[in-house]
C-alpha atoms as a PDB file:
ATOM      1  CA  MET A   1       7.654  43.727  36.098  1.00  0.00           C
ATOM      2  CA  ILE A   2      10.490  42.041  37.984  1.00  0.00           C
ATOM      3  CA  ARG A   3       9.882  40.472  41.393  1.00  0.00           C
ATOM      4  CA  ALA A   4      12.612  41.011  43.986  1.00  0.00           C
ATOM      5  CA  VAL A   5      13.287  40.781  47.733  1.00  0.00           C
ATOM      6  CA  TYR A   6      15.195  43.063  50.069  1.00  0.00           C
ATOM      7  CA  ARG A   7      17.871  41.037  51.886  1.00  0.00           C
ATOM      8  CA  ASP A   8      21.004  42.089  53.756  1.00  0.00           C
ATOM      9  CA  GLY A   9      20.672  45.686  52.620  1.00  0.00           C
ATOM     10  CA  LYS A  10      20.389  44.818  48.922  1.00  0.00           C
ATOM     11  CA  ILE A  11      17.577  44.227  46.462  1.00  0.00           C
ATOM     12  CA  GLU A  12      17.853  40.739  44.937  1.00  0.00           C
ATOM     13  CA  PRO A  13      15.847  39.858  41.799  1.00  0.00           C
ATOM     14  CA  LEU A  14      13.698  36.728  41.911  1.00  0.00           C
ATOM     15  CA  ASP A  15      13.114  36.784  38.162  1.00  0.00           C
ATOM     16  CA  GLU A  16      15.462  36.871  35.180  1.00  0.00           C
ATOM     17  CA  LEU A  17      16.400  40.404  34.242  1.00  0.00           C
ATOM     18  CA  PRO A  18      15.416  41.705  30.795  1.00  0.00           C
ATOM     19  CA  ALA A  19      18.222  41.621  28.219  1.00  0.00           C
ATOM     20  CA  GLY A  20      17.781  45.344  27.542  1.00  0.00           C
ATOM     21  CA  TRP A  21      18.741  46.379  31.067  1.00  0.00           C
ATOM     22  CA  HIS A  22      22.266  47.746  31.523  1.00  0.00           C
ATOM     23  CA  GLU A  23      24.635  48.000  34.506  1.00  0.00           C
ATOM     24  CA  GLY A  24      24.040  51.187  36.489  1.00  0.00           C
ATOM     25  CA  GLU A  25      20.625  51.827  34.968  1.00  0.00           C
ATOM     26  CA  LYS A  26      18.169  53.573  37.314  1.00  0.00           C
ATOM     27  CA  LEU A  27      15.080  51.584  38.308  1.00  0.00           C
ATOM     28  CA  LEU A  28      11.873  52.391  40.159  1.00  0.00           C
ATOM     29  CA  VAL A  29      11.180  49.932  42.992  1.00  0.00           C
ATOM     30  CA  GLU A  30       7.886  49.725  44.910  1.00  0.00           C
ATOM     31  CA  GLN A  31       7.121  47.777  48.063  1.00  0.00           C
ATOM     32  CA  GLN A  32       4.526  45.056  47.628  1.00  0.00           C
ATOM     33  CA  GLU A  33       2.092  44.504  50.441  1.00  0.00           C
ATOM     34  CA  SER A  34       1.626  40.897  51.484  1.00  0.00           C
ATOM     35  CA  THR A  35      -1.791  39.546  50.601  1.00  0.00           C
ATOM     36  CA  LEU A  36      -1.582  36.631  53.069  1.00  0.00           C
ATOM     37  CA  ASN A  37      -2.018  36.827  56.783  1.00  0.00           C
ATOM     38  CA  ALA A  38      -0.408  34.302  59.143  1.00  0.00           C
ATOM     39  CA  GLY A  39      -3.535  32.121  59.288  1.00  0.00           C
ATOM     40  CA  GLU A  40      -3.813  31.899  55.507  1.00  0.00           C
ATOM     41  CA  LEU A  41      -0.139  31.066  55.200  1.00  0.00           C
ATOM     42  CA  ASP A  42      -0.447  28.292  57.800  1.00  0.00           C
ATOM     43  CA  ARG A  43      -3.452  26.877  55.910  1.00  0.00           C
ATOM     44  CA  LEU A  44      -1.535  26.863  52.622  1.00  0.00           C
ATOM     45  CA  VAL A  45       1.478  25.182  54.233  1.00  0.00           C
ATOM     46  CA  SER A  46      -0.829  22.501  55.673  1.00  0.00           C
ATOM     47  CA  GLU A  47      -2.390  21.906  52.245  1.00  0.00           C
ATOM     48  CA  VAL A  48       1.028  21.474  50.628  1.00  0.00           C
ATOM     49  CA  GLU A  49       2.178  19.115  53.384  1.00  0.00           C
ATOM     50  CA  GLU A  50      -0.998  17.022  53.008  1.00  0.00           C
ATOM     51  CA  ALA A  51      -0.540  16.816  49.235  1.00  0.00           C
ATOM     52  CA  ALA A  52       3.142  15.895  49.620  1.00  0.00           C
ATOM     53  CA  ALA A  53       2.261  13.137  52.087  1.00  0.00           C
ATOM     54  CA  LYS A  54       0.116  11.511  49.374  1.00  0.00           C
ATOM     55  CA  ILE A  55       3.060  11.109  46.984  1.00  0.00           C
ATOM     56  CA  PRO A  56       4.059   7.433  46.914  1.00  0.00           C
ATOM     57  CA  ASP A  57       7.521   6.604  48.254  1.00  0.00           C
ATOM     58  CA  ASP A  58       8.391   4.988  44.910  1.00  0.00           C
ATOM     59  CA  ASP A  59       7.732   8.281  43.086  1.00  0.00           C
ATOM     60  CA  HIS A  60       9.859  10.143  45.616  1.00  0.00           C
ATOM     61  CA  ASP A  61      12.709   7.662  45.138  1.00  0.00           C
ATOM     62  CA  LYS A  62      12.497   7.980  41.332  1.00  0.00           C
ATOM     63  CA  PHE A  63      12.552  11.763  41.594  1.00  0.00           C
ATOM     64  CA  MET A  64      15.590  11.779  43.880  1.00  0.00           C
ATOM     65  CA  ALA A  65      17.388   9.316  41.562  1.00  0.00           C
ATOM     66  CA  ALA A  66      16.689  11.602  38.593  1.00  0.00           C
ATOM     67  CA  ILE A  67      18.124  14.578  40.488  1.00  0.00           C
ATOM     68  CA  ALA A  68      21.253  12.592  41.388  1.00  0.00           C
ATOM     69  CA  GLU A  69      21.684  11.542  37.749  1.00  0.00           C
ATOM     70  CA  HIS A  70      21.264  15.127  36.558  1.00  0.00           C
ATOM     71  CA  ARG A  71      23.871  16.382  39.041  1.00  0.00           C
ATOM     72  CA  ALA A  72      26.354  13.703  37.953  1.00  0.00           C
ATOM     73  CA  GLU A  73      25.831  14.595  34.286  1.00  0.00           C
ATOM     74  CA  ALA A  74      26.228  18.307  35.046  1.00  0.00           C
ATOM     75  CA  LYS A  75      29.499  17.678  36.895  1.00  0.00           C
ATOM     76  CA  THR A  76      30.829  15.572  34.023  1.00  0.00           C
ATOM     77  CA  TRP A  77      29.867  18.254  31.511  1.00  0.00           C
ATOM     78  CA  MET A  78      31.483  21.016  33.570  1.00  0.00           C
ATOM     79  CA  ARG A  79      34.714  19.022  33.977  1.00  0.00           C
ATOM     80  CA  ARG A  80      34.844  18.578  30.181  1.00  0.00           C
ATOM     81  CA  GLU A  81      34.157  22.294  29.630  1.00  0.00           C
ATOM     82  CA  MET A  82      36.977  23.219  32.025  1.00  0.00           C
ATOM     83  CA  GLY A  83      39.377  20.744  30.380  1.00  0.00           C
ATOM     84  CA  LEU A  84      39.634  18.610  33.513  1.00  0.00           C
ATOM     85  CA  ALA A  85      38.244  15.448  31.897  1.00  0.00           C
ATOM     86  CA  GLU A  86      37.951  13.879  28.471  1.00  0.00           C
END
């Protein structure tokens, strides 16, 4: 089963599509009822925010540095692939 959302008049997949699917193939789509009400969603958001607040600043800084390094490496790789750099 593939999860998807309806946005701007189109159905957009949230998951990777199976390799066996082909362009123009007919699909059956069903609407999924939300299992969370507003109160439950607010409670979950609060739990995530509380957990995030417990992450030490040093860990956050290390994580952000790793993301920056990954982006720089990806840009370098893409420039090489496009023949823009050696």
